[in-house]
Amino acid sequence: MAEDPVICTCLDMCKSEIVGAIREKKCKTVEEVGDEIEAGAVCGSCIDDIQEILDEENA
């Protein structure tokens, strides 16, 4: 598995970019991530993955 896997395929956005936005913008929900960087806001197939990252970061 890639060290920095693509999470949002619509926007070709890697995990590190999503983690960075969560930390920098203090995102607590998938909707906040979508508002900030649009990940999860196009087709929605990565919402579960983004939620998992949010759970890890905000634990």
Protein backbone atom coordinates (compact mmCIF):
# COMPACT_ATOMS: atom_id res chain seq x y z
CA MET A 1 0.00 0.00 0.00
CA ALA A 2 1.19 3.50 -0.81
CA GLU A 3 2.60 5.58 2.02
CA ASP A 4 0.34 8.48 1.05
CA PRO A 5 -2.67 6.88 -0.63
CA VAL A 6 -5.11 8.80 -2.77
CA ILE A 7 -8.32 9.11 -0.75
CA CYS A 8 -10.43 11.38 -2.95
CA THR A 9 -10.08 10.07 -6.50
CA CYS A 10 -12.27 12.80 -8.00
CA LEU A 11 -9.77 15.46 -6.94
CA ASP A 12 -6.70 13.17 -6.82
CA MET A 13 -6.25 14.18 -3.17
CA CYS A 14 -3.91 12.18 -0.94
CA LYS A 15 -4.33 11.36 2.73
CA SER A 16 -1.63 13.85 3.76
CA GLU A 17 -3.56 16.71 2.14
CA ILE A 18 -6.72 15.76 4.00
CA VAL A 19 -4.86 15.35 7.29
CA GLY A 20 -3.25 18.75 6.74
CA ALA A 21 -6.61 20.42 6.21
CA ILE A 22 -8.11 18.72 9.26
CA ARG A 23 -5.25 19.93 11.43
CA GLU A 24 -4.93 23.41 9.94
CA LYS A 25 -8.63 24.21 9.69
CA LYS A 26 -9.65 22.25 12.82
CA CYS A 27 -12.24 20.22 10.85
CA LYS A 28 -14.47 17.97 12.92
CA THR A 29 -16.86 16.66 10.25
CA VAL A 30 -16.74 15.35 6.69
CA GLU A 31 -18.84 18.35 5.68
CA GLU A 32 -16.23 20.74 7.09
CA VAL A 33 -13.50 18.94 5.14
CA GLY A 34 -15.64 19.27 1.99
CA ASP A 35 -16.22 22.96 2.63
CA GLU A 36 -12.50 23.60 3.12
CA ILE A 37 -10.87 21.47 0.41
CA GLU A 38 -13.81 19.88 -1.49
CA ALA A 39 -12.69 16.32 -0.67
CA GLY A 40 -15.78 14.16 -0.29
CA ALA A 41 -18.00 16.78 -1.88
CA VAL A 42 -17.93 15.55 -5.50
CA CYS A 43 -19.14 11.95 -5.78
CA GLY A 44 -19.05 11.03 -2.08
CA SER A 45 -17.32 7.66 -2.46
CA CYS A 46 -14.50 8.70 -0.11
CA ILE A 47 -16.73 9.92 2.74
CA ASP A 48 -16.15 6.79 4.84
CA ASP A 49 -12.38 7.11 4.38
CA ILE A 50 -12.45 10.79 5.32
CA GLN A 51 -14.52 9.95 8.41
CA GLU A 52 -11.93 7.35 9.41
CA ILE A 53 -9.16 9.95 9.06
CA LEU A 54 -11.21 12.43 11.10
CA ASP A 55 -11.72 9.84 13.82
CA GLU A 56 -7.95 9.18 13.96
CA GLU A 57 -7.04 12.86 14.02
CA ASN A 58 -9.68 13.98 16.51
CA ALA A 59 -9.38 11.03 18.89
